[in-house]
Amino acid sequence: MTLAVKTWALAHLLANGNLADVLLFGGFLVWSVLVFRAARARDRLQPPPALPTRPAALLVCVAAGTLAWAAFAFWAHAALIGVRPFGGA
């Protein structure tokens, strides 16, 4: 999760350069770096328990996440933010 937030924040920092964007996305980037560091330190103290593997649940989760991302990236981002991430009219 934090890797996704880092990637998202960095991409938005590279695309947008005004002060409000730097404060917003820079804050998210700093937060995700600190959360990742804290999680790594916690895991070194006590490793997390192994999660049960359920391939069907994993596939449903990946499919739902991909559909949600596509809906936001291709429709909702333009409707809510006013910018089309992938261009177009």
PDB file of N, CA and C in Angstrom:
ATOM      1  N   MET A   1       0.821  -1.181   0.000  1.00  0.00           N
ATOM      2  CA  MET A   1       0.000   0.000   0.000  1.00  0.00           C
ATOM      3  C   MET A   1       0.866   1.246   0.000  1.00  0.00           C
ATOM      4  N   THR A   2       1.869   1.247   0.867  1.00  0.00           N
ATOM      5  CA  THR A   2       2.689   2.457   0.934  1.00  0.00           C
ATOM      6  C   THR A   2       3.503   2.643  -0.343  1.00  0.00           C
ATOM      7  N   LEU A   3       3.884   1.566  -0.989  1.00  0.00           N
ATOM      8  CA  LEU A   3       4.581   1.695  -2.271  1.00  0.00           C
ATOM      9  C   LEU A   3       3.661   2.344  -3.308  1.00  0.00           C
ATOM     10  N   ALA A   4       2.388   1.978  -3.303  1.00  0.00           N
ATOM     11  CA  ALA A   4       1.431   2.588  -4.224  1.00  0.00           C
ATOM     12  C   ALA A   4       1.260   4.072  -3.928  1.00  0.00           C
ATOM     13  N   VAL A   5       1.195   4.445  -2.658  1.00  0.00           N
ATOM     14  CA  VAL A   5       1.065   5.858  -2.296  1.00  0.00           C
ATOM     15  C   VAL A   5       2.317   6.622  -2.704  1.00  0.00           C
ATOM     16  N   LYS A   6       3.484   6.015  -2.495  1.00  0.00           N
ATOM     17  CA  LYS A   6       4.736   6.668  -2.911  1.00  0.00           C
ATOM     18  C   LYS A   6       4.753   6.897  -4.417  1.00  0.00           C
ATOM     19  N   THR A   7       4.370   5.903  -5.188  1.00  0.00           N
ATOM     20  CA  THR A   7       4.361   6.011  -6.640  1.00  0.00           C
ATOM     21  C   THR A   7       3.365   7.071  -7.093  1.00  0.00           C
ATOM     22  N   TRP A   8       2.177   7.056  -6.517  1.00  0.00           N
ATOM     23  CA  TRP A   8       1.131   8.020  -6.846  1.00  0.00           C
ATOM     24  C   TRP A   8       1.588   9.439  -6.532  1.00  0.00           C
ATOM     25  N   ALA A   9       2.125   9.634  -5.329  1.00  0.00           N
ATOM     26  CA  ALA A   9       2.550  10.968  -4.924  1.00  0.00           C
ATOM     27  C   ALA A   9       3.700  11.474  -5.791  1.00  0.00           C
ATOM     28  N   LEU A  10       4.664  10.621  -6.076  1.00  0.00           N
ATOM     29  CA  LEU A  10       5.800  11.030  -6.900  1.00  0.00           C
ATOM     30  C   LEU A  10       5.351  11.378  -8.319  1.00  0.00           C
ATOM     31  N   ALA A  11       4.451  10.582  -8.884  1.00  0.00           N
ATOM     32  CA  ALA A  11       3.950  10.871 -10.230  1.00  0.00           C
ATOM     33  C   ALA A  11       3.231  12.212 -10.266  1.00  0.00           C
ATOM     34  N   HIS A  12       2.438  12.507  -9.230  1.00  0.00           N
ATOM     35  CA  HIS A  12       1.739  13.780  -9.193  1.00  0.00           C
ATOM     36  C   HIS A  12       2.693  14.942  -8.920  1.00  0.00           C
ATOM     37  N   LEU A  13       3.745  14.705  -8.173  1.00  0.00           N
ATOM     38  CA  LEU A  13       4.741  15.759  -7.967  1.00  0.00           C
ATOM     39  C   LEU A  13       5.470  16.088  -9.267  1.00  0.00           C
ATOM     40  N   LEU A  14       5.764  15.069 -10.059  1.00  0.00           N
ATOM     41  CA  LEU A  14       6.439  15.293 -11.328  1.00  0.00           C
ATOM     42  C   LEU A  14       5.534  15.998 -12.338  1.00  0.00           C
ATOM     43  N   ALA A  15       4.233  15.734 -12.276  1.00  0.00           N
ATOM     44  CA  ALA A  15       3.297  16.320 -13.236  1.00  0.00           C
ATOM     45  C   ALA A  15       2.821  17.714 -12.833  1.00  0.00           C
ATOM     46  N   ASN A  16       2.811  17.994 -11.545  1.00  0.00           N
ATOM     47  CA  ASN A  16       2.287  19.273 -11.045  1.00  0.00           C
ATOM     48  C   ASN A  16       3.369  19.967 -10.239  1.00  0.00           C
ATOM     49  N   GLY A  17       3.494  21.275 -10.401  1.00  0.00           N
ATOM     50  CA  GLY A  17       4.602  21.936  -9.726  1.00  0.00           C
ATOM     51  C   GLY A  17       4.242  23.139  -8.882  1.00  0.00           C
ATOM     52  N   ASN A  18       2.943  23.463  -8.719  1.00  0.00           N
ATOM     53  CA  ASN A  18       2.669  24.641  -7.906  1.00  0.00           C
ATOM     54  C   ASN A  18       2.731  24.301  -6.421  1.00  0.00           C
ATOM     55  N   LEU A  19       2.714  25.316  -5.586  1.00  0.00           N
ATOM     56  CA  LEU A  19       2.939  25.136  -4.153  1.00  0.00           C
ATOM     57  C   LEU A  19       1.904  24.211  -3.514  1.00  0.00           C
ATOM     58  N   ALA A  20       0.639  24.372  -3.883  1.00  0.00           N
ATOM     59  CA  ALA A  20      -0.409  23.532  -3.293  1.00  0.00           C
ATOM     60  C   ALA A  20      -0.168  22.053  -3.608  1.00  0.00           C
ATOM     61  N   ASP A  21       0.231  21.759  -4.848  1.00  0.00           N
ATOM     62  CA  ASP A  21       0.500  20.364  -5.230  1.00  0.00           C
ATOM     63  C   ASP A  21       1.715  19.819  -4.491  1.00  0.00           C
ATOM     64  N   VAL A  22       2.746  20.632  -4.354  1.00  0.00           N
ATOM     65  CA  VAL A  22       3.955  20.187  -3.644  1.00  0.00           C
ATOM     66  C   VAL A  22       3.622  19.894  -2.192  1.00  0.00           C
ATOM     67  N   LEU A  23       2.816  20.753  -1.564  1.00  0.00           N
ATOM     68  CA  LEU A  23       2.452  20.518  -0.168  1.00  0.00           C
ATOM     69  C   LEU A  23       1.587  19.270  -0.020  1.00  0.00           C
ATOM     70  N   LEU A  24       0.594  19.121  -0.888  1.00  0.00           N
ATOM     71  CA  LEU A  24      -0.311  17.968  -0.778  1.00  0.00           C
ATOM     72  C   LEU A  24       0.400  16.661  -1.090  1.00  0.00           C
ATOM     73  N   PHE A  25       0.966  16.560  -2.291  1.00  0.00           N
ATOM     74  CA  PHE A  25       1.566  15.294  -2.705  1.00  0.00           C
ATOM     75  C   PHE A  25       2.895  15.044  -1.999  1.00  0.00           C
ATOM     76  N   GLY A  26       3.630  16.103  -1.689  1.00  0.00           N
ATOM     77  CA  GLY A  26       4.854  15.946  -0.900  1.00  0.00           C
ATOM     78  C   GLY A  26       4.552  15.420   0.500  1.00  0.00           C
ATOM     79  N   GLY A  27       3.459  15.900   1.080  1.00  0.00           N
ATOM     80  CA  GLY A  27       3.043  15.398   2.391  1.00  0.00           C
ATOM     81  C   GLY A  27       2.702  13.923   2.360  1.00  0.00           C
ATOM     82  N   PHE A  28       1.972  13.518   1.326  1.00  0.00           N
ATOM     83  CA  PHE A  28       1.666  12.094   1.179  1.00  0.00           C
ATOM     84  C   PHE A  28       2.933  11.270   0.974  1.00  0.00           C
ATOM     85  N   LEU A  29       3.878  11.789   0.210  1.00  0.00           N
ATOM     86  CA  LEU A  29       5.129  11.070  -0.030  1.00  0.00           C
ATOM     87  C   LEU A  29       5.924  10.907   1.267  1.00  0.00           C
ATOM     88  N   VAL A  30       6.051  11.983   2.030  1.00  0.00           N
ATOM     89  CA  VAL A  30       6.771  11.916   3.309  1.00  0.00           C
ATOM     90  C   VAL A  30       6.056  10.955   4.260  1.00  0.00           C
ATOM     91  N   TRP A  31       4.728  11.039   4.327  1.00  0.00           N
ATOM     92  CA  TRP A  31       3.961  10.149   5.200  1.00  0.00           C
ATOM     93  C   TRP A  31       4.201   8.685   4.834  1.00  0.00           C
ATOM     94  N   SER A  32       4.160   8.361   3.532  1.00  0.00           N
ATOM     95  CA  SER A  32       4.317   6.963   3.135  1.00  0.00           C
ATOM     96  C   SER A  32       5.729   6.454   3.405  1.00  0.00           C
ATOM     97  N   VAL A  33       6.730   7.312   3.254  1.00  0.00           N
ATOM     98  CA  VAL A  33       8.100   6.894   3.568  1.00  0.00           C
ATOM     99  C   VAL A  33       8.222   6.603   5.063  1.00  0.00           C
ATOM    100  N   LEU A  34       7.663   7.463   5.900  1.00  0.00           N
ATOM    101  CA  LEU A  34       7.750   7.254   7.351  1.00  0.00           C
ATOM    102  C   LEU A  34       6.961   6.025   7.804  1.00  0.00           C
ATOM    103  N   VAL A  35       5.805   5.798   7.206  1.00  0.00           N
ATOM    104  CA  VAL A  35       5.013   4.613   7.549  1.00  0.00           C
ATOM    105  C   VAL A  35       5.764   3.347   7.150  1.00  0.00           C
ATOM    106  N   PHE A  36       6.387   3.365   5.987  1.00  0.00           N
ATOM    107  CA  PHE A  36       7.153   2.193   5.543  1.00  0.00           C
ATOM    108  C   PHE A  36       8.310   1.917   6.493  1.00  0.00           C
ATOM    109  N   ARG A  37       9.016   2.968   6.889  1.00  0.00           N
ATOM    110  CA  ARG A  37      10.132   2.794   7.839  1.00  0.00           C
ATOM    111  C   ARG A  37       9.657   2.213   9.157  1.00  0.00           C
ATOM    112  N   ALA A  38       8.542   2.719   9.664  1.00  0.00           N
ATOM    113  CA  ALA A  38       8.004   2.221  10.934  1.00  0.00           C
ATOM    114  C   ALA A  38       7.569   0.759  10.814  1.00  0.00           C
ATOM    115  N   ALA A  39       6.954   0.402   9.699  1.00  0.00           N
ATOM    116  CA  ALA A  39       6.514  -0.984   9.503  1.00  0.00           C
ATOM    117  C   ALA A  39       7.704  -1.932   9.414  1.00  0.00           C
ATOM    118  N   ARG A  40       8.757  -1.500   8.725  1.00  0.00           N
ATOM    119  CA  ARG A  40       9.958  -2.350   8.630  1.00  0.00           C
ATOM    120  C   ARG A  40      10.602  -2.546   9.996  1.00  0.00           C
ATOM    121  N   ALA A  41      10.658  -1.496  10.801  1.00  0.00           N
ATOM    122  CA  ALA A  41      11.236  -1.622  12.140  1.00  0.00           C
ATOM    123  C   ALA A  41      10.386  -2.547  13.004  1.00  0.00           C
ATOM    124  N   ARG A  42       9.063  -2.438  12.896  1.00  0.00           N
ATOM    125  CA  ARG A  42       8.171  -3.301  13.671  1.00  0.00           C
ATOM    126  C   ARG A  42       8.327  -4.756  13.247  1.00  0.00           C
ATOM    127  N   ASP A  43       8.460  -5.007  11.949  1.00  0.00           N
ATOM    128  CA  ASP A  43       8.595  -6.376  11.456  1.00  0.00           C
ATOM    129  C   ASP A  43       9.906  -7.010  11.892  1.00  0.00           C
ATOM    130  N   ARG A  44      10.941  -6.193  12.056  1.00  0.00           N
ATOM    131  CA  ARG A  44      12.213  -6.750  12.527  1.00  0.00           C
ATOM    132  C   ARG A  44      12.102  -7.195  13.979  1.00  0.00           C
ATOM    133  N   LEU A  45      11.287  -6.500  14.762  1.00  0.00           N
ATOM    134  CA  LEU A  45      11.105  -6.887  16.159  1.00  0.00           C
ATOM    135  C   LEU A  45      10.272  -8.153  16.296  1.00  0.00           C
ATOM    136  N   GLN A  46       9.200  -8.225  15.532  1.00  0.00           N
ATOM    137  CA  GLN A  46       8.328  -9.395  15.585  1.00  0.00           C
ATOM    138  C   GLN A  46       7.757  -9.624  14.191  1.00  0.00           C
ATOM    139  N   PRO A  47       8.214 -10.681  13.519  1.00  0.00           N
ATOM    140  CA  PRO A  47       7.714 -10.930  12.164  1.00  0.00           C
ATOM    141  C   PRO A  47       6.200 -11.159  12.165  1.00  0.00           C
ATOM    142  N   PRO A  48       5.510 -10.683  11.140  1.00  0.00           N
ATOM    143  CA  PRO A  48       4.060 -10.898  11.080  1.00  0.00           C
ATOM    144  C   PRO A  48       3.737 -12.372  10.845  1.00  0.00           C
ATOM    145  N   PRO A  49       2.590 -12.823  11.324  1.00  0.00           N
ATOM    146  CA  PRO A  49       2.213 -14.215  11.091  1.00  0.00           C
ATOM    147  C   PRO A  49       1.924 -14.440   9.607  1.00  0.00           C
ATOM    148  N   ALA A  50       2.130 -15.664   9.177  1.00  0.00           N
ATOM    149  CA  ALA A  50       1.864 -16.007   7.775  1.00  0.00           C
ATOM    150  C   ALA A  50       0.367 -15.940   7.508  1.00  0.00           C
ATOM    151  N   LEU A  51      -0.005 -15.373   6.380  1.00  0.00           N
ATOM    152  CA  LEU A  51      -1.409 -15.279   6.013  1.00  0.00           C
ATOM    153  C   LEU A  51      -1.831 -16.527   5.257  1.00  0.00           C
ATOM    154  N   PRO A  52      -3.055 -16.972   5.462  1.00  0.00           N
ATOM    155  CA  PRO A  52      -3.524 -18.118   4.684  1.00  0.00           C
ATOM    156  C   PRO A  52      -3.670 -17.721   3.221  1.00  0.00           C
ATOM    157  N   THR A  53      -3.342 -18.635   2.334  1.00  0.00           N
ATOM    158  CA  THR A  53      -3.427 -18.331   0.910  1.00  0.00           C
ATOM    159  C   THR A  53      -4.744 -18.857   0.362  1.00  0.00           C
ATOM    160  N   ARG A  54      -5.476 -17.978  -0.285  1.00  0.00           N
ATOM    161  CA  ARG A  54      -6.730 -18.345  -0.944  1.00  0.00           C
ATOM    162  C   ARG A  54      -6.703 -17.717  -2.324  1.00  0.00           C
ATOM    163  N   PRO A  55      -6.300 -18.476  -3.327  1.00  0.00           N
ATOM    164  CA  PRO A  55      -6.145 -17.911  -4.669  1.00  0.00           C
ATOM    165  C   PRO A  55      -7.418 -17.272  -5.222  1.00  0.00           C
ATOM    166  N   ALA A  56      -8.578 -17.833  -4.951  1.00  0.00           N
ATOM    167  CA  ALA A  56      -9.820 -17.278  -5.478  1.00  0.00           C
ATOM    168  C   ALA A  56     -10.077 -15.890  -4.893  1.00  0.00           C
ATOM    169  N   ALA A  57      -9.852 -15.742  -3.597  1.00  0.00           N
ATOM    170  CA  ALA A  57     -10.051 -14.443  -2.960  1.00  0.00           C
ATOM    171  C   ALA A  57      -9.050 -13.421  -3.492  1.00  0.00           C
ATOM    172  N   LEU A  58      -7.836 -13.860  -3.733  1.00  0.00           N
ATOM    173  CA  LEU A  58      -6.819 -12.965  -4.289  1.00  0.00           C
ATOM    174  C   LEU A  58      -7.214 -12.494  -5.684  1.00  0.00           C
ATOM    175  N   LEU A  59      -7.708 -13.387  -6.514  1.00  0.00           N
ATOM    176  CA  LEU A  59      -8.128 -13.020  -7.866  1.00  0.00           C
ATOM    177  C   LEU A  59      -9.303 -12.051  -7.847  1.00  0.00           C
ATOM    178  N   VAL A  60     -10.251 -12.266  -6.951  1.00  0.00           N
ATOM    179  CA  VAL A  60     -11.392 -11.352  -6.826  1.00  0.00           C
ATOM    180  C   VAL A  60     -10.911  -9.972  -6.388  1.00  0.00           C
ATOM    181  N   CYS A  61      -9.998  -9.935  -5.455  1.00  0.00           N
ATOM    182  CA  CYS A  61      -9.463  -8.672  -4.962  1.00  0.00           C
ATOM    183  C   CYS A  61      -8.709  -7.927  -6.060  1.00  0.00           C
ATOM    184  N   VAL A  62      -7.877  -8.621  -6.802  1.00  0.00           N
ATOM    185  CA  VAL A  62      -7.118  -7.995  -7.888  1.00  0.00           C
ATOM    186  C   VAL A  62      -8.063  -7.500  -8.978  1.00  0.00           C
ATOM    187  N   ALA A  63      -9.073  -8.286  -9.323  1.00  0.00           N
ATOM    188  CA  ALA A  63     -10.033  -7.868 -10.350  1.00  0.00           C
ATOM    189  C   ALA A  63     -10.824  -6.646  -9.901  1.00  0.00           C
ATOM    190  N   ALA A  64     -11.278  -6.631  -8.658  1.00  0.00           N
ATOM    191  CA  ALA A  64     -12.029  -5.484  -8.146  1.00  0.00           C
ATOM    192  C   ALA A  64     -11.157  -4.230  -8.102  1.00  0.00           C
ATOM    193  N   GLY A  65      -9.921  -4.384  -7.682  1.00  0.00           N
ATOM    194  CA  GLY A  65      -9.006  -3.246  -7.649  1.00  0.00           C
ATOM    195  C   GLY A  65      -8.706  -2.708  -9.031  1.00  0.00           C
ATOM    196  N   THR A  66      -8.523  -3.601  -9.998  1.00  0.00           N
ATOM    197  CA  THR A  66      -8.256  -3.179 -11.371  1.00  0.00           C
ATOM    198  C   THR A  66      -9.458  -2.457 -11.964  1.00  0.00           C
ATOM    199  N   LEU A  67     -10.656  -2.964 -11.723  1.00  0.00           N
ATOM    200  CA  LEU A  67     -11.864  -2.299 -12.214  1.00  0.00           C
ATOM    201  C   LEU A  67     -12.061  -0.939 -11.559  1.00  0.00           C
ATOM    202  N   ALA A  68     -11.821  -0.851 -10.260  1.00  0.00           N
ATOM    203  CA  ALA A  68     -11.955   0.435  -9.568  1.00  0.00           C
ATOM    204  C   ALA A  68     -10.941   1.442 -10.092  1.00  0.00           C
ATOM    205  N   TRP A  69      -9.711   0.997 -10.309  1.00  0.00           N
ATOM    206  CA  TRP A  69      -8.685   1.893 -10.859  1.00  0.00           C
ATOM    207  C   TRP A  69      -9.078   2.374 -12.246  1.00  0.00           C
ATOM    208  N   ALA A  70      -9.527   1.473 -13.101  1.00  0.00           N
ATOM    209  CA  ALA A  70      -9.886   1.846 -14.465  1.00  0.00           C
ATOM    210  C   ALA A  70     -11.060   2.823 -14.472  1.00  0.00           C
ATOM    211  N   ALA A  71     -12.054   2.581 -13.635  1.00  0.00           N
ATOM    212  CA  ALA A  71     -13.200   3.491 -13.566  1.00  0.00           C
ATOM    213  C   ALA A  71     -12.755   4.882 -13.124  1.00  0.00           C
ATOM    214  N   PHE A  72     -11.882   4.948 -12.159  1.00  0.00           N
ATOM    215  CA  PHE A  72     -11.416   6.259 -11.699  1.00  0.00           C
ATOM    216  C   PHE A  72     -10.506   6.911 -12.727  1.00  0.00           C
ATOM    217  N   ALA A  73      -9.575   6.150 -13.274  1.00  0.00           N
ATOM    218  CA  ALA A  73      -8.596   6.737 -14.196  1.00  0.00           C
ATOM    219  C   ALA A  73      -9.233   7.202 -15.497  1.00  0.00           C
ATOM    220  N   PHE A  74     -10.202   6.476 -16.019  1.00  0.00           N
ATOM    221  CA  PHE A  74     -10.760   6.807 -17.324  1.00  0.00           C
ATOM    222  C   PHE A  74     -12.032   7.631 -17.258  1.00  0.00           C
ATOM    223  N   TRP A  75     -12.715   7.700 -16.098  1.00  0.00           N
ATOM    224  CA  TRP A  75     -13.939   8.473 -16.034  1.00  0.00           C
ATOM    225  C   TRP A  75     -13.965   9.427 -14.844  1.00  0.00           C
ATOM    226  N   ALA A  76     -13.838   8.908 -13.644  1.00  0.00           N
ATOM    227  CA  ALA A  76     -14.066   9.716 -12.449  1.00  0.00           C
ATOM    228  C   ALA A  76     -13.010  10.795 -12.242  1.00  0.00           C
ATOM    229  N   HIS A  77     -11.778  10.566 -12.641  1.00  0.00           N
ATOM    230  CA  HIS A  77     -10.730  11.576 -12.461  1.00  0.00           C
ATOM    231  C   HIS A  77     -11.107  12.850 -13.214  1.00  0.00           C
ATOM    232  N   ALA A  78     -11.572  12.706 -14.448  1.00  0.00           N
ATOM    233  CA  ALA A  78     -11.988  13.878 -15.235  1.00  0.00           C
ATOM    234  C   ALA A  78     -13.239  14.511 -14.645  1.00  0.00           C
ATOM    235  N   ALA A  79     -14.182  13.698 -14.195  1.00  0.00           N
ATOM    236  CA  ALA A  79     -15.430  14.228 -13.652  1.00  0.00           C
ATOM    237  C   ALA A  79     -15.215  14.945 -12.317  1.00  0.00           C
ATOM    238  N   LEU A  80     -14.339  14.407 -11.479  1.00  0.00           N
ATOM    239  CA  LEU A  80     -14.144  14.971 -10.139  1.00  0.00           C
ATOM    240  C   LEU A  80     -13.009  15.987 -10.069  1.00  0.00           C
ATOM    241  N   ILE A  81     -11.917  15.736 -10.752  1.00  0.00           N
ATOM    242  CA  ILE A  81     -10.729  16.574 -10.665  1.00  0.00           C
ATOM    243  C   ILE A  81     -10.672  17.568 -11.815  1.00  0.00           C
ATOM    244  N   GLY A  82     -11.206  17.180 -12.969  1.00  0.00           N
ATOM    245  CA  GLY A  82     -11.191  18.050 -14.133  1.00  0.00           C
ATOM    246  C   GLY A  82      -9.999  17.839 -15.053  1.00  0.00           C
ATOM    247  N   VAL A  83      -9.231  16.790 -14.819  1.00  0.00           N
ATOM    248  CA  VAL A  83      -8.056  16.487 -15.641  1.00  0.00           C
ATOM    249  C   VAL A  83      -8.168  15.044 -16.105  1.00  0.00           C
ATOM    250  N   ARG A  84      -7.925  14.822 -17.395  1.00  0.00           N
ATOM    251  CA  ARG A  84      -7.903  13.457 -17.926  1.00  0.00           C
ATOM    252  C   ARG A  84      -6.462  12.950 -17.868  1.00  0.00           C
ATOM    253  N   PRO A  85      -6.183  11.927 -17.034  1.00  0.00           N
ATOM    254  CA  PRO A  85      -4.806  11.448 -16.886  1.00  0.00           C
ATOM    255  C   PRO A  85      -4.220  10.863 -18.173  1.00  0.00           C
ATOM    256  N   PHE A  86      -5.055  10.324 -19.042  1.00  0.00           N
ATOM    257  CA  PHE A  86      -4.564   9.684 -20.248  1.00  0.00           C
ATOM    258  C   PHE A  86      -4.913  10.469 -21.502  1.00  0.00           C
ATOM    259  N   GLY A  87      -5.159  11.756 -21.355  1.00  0.00           N
ATOM    260  CA  GLY A  87      -5.452  12.609 -22.502  1.00  0.00           C
ATOM    261  C   GLY A  87      -6.845  12.377 -23.037  1.00  0.00           C
ATOM    262  N   GLY A  88      -7.061  12.791 -24.237  1.00  0.00           N
ATOM    263  CA  GLY A  88      -8.366  12.627 -24.858  1.00  0.00           C
ATOM    264  C   GLY A  88      -9.176  13.907 -24.768  1.00  0.00           C
ATOM    265  N   ALA A  89     -10.313  13.892 -25.399  1.00  0.00           N
ATOM    266  CA  ALA A  89     -11.134  15.102 -25.451  1.00  0.00           C
ATOM    267  C   ALA A  89     -12.092  15.199 -24.301  1.00  0.00           C
TER     268      ALA A  89
END
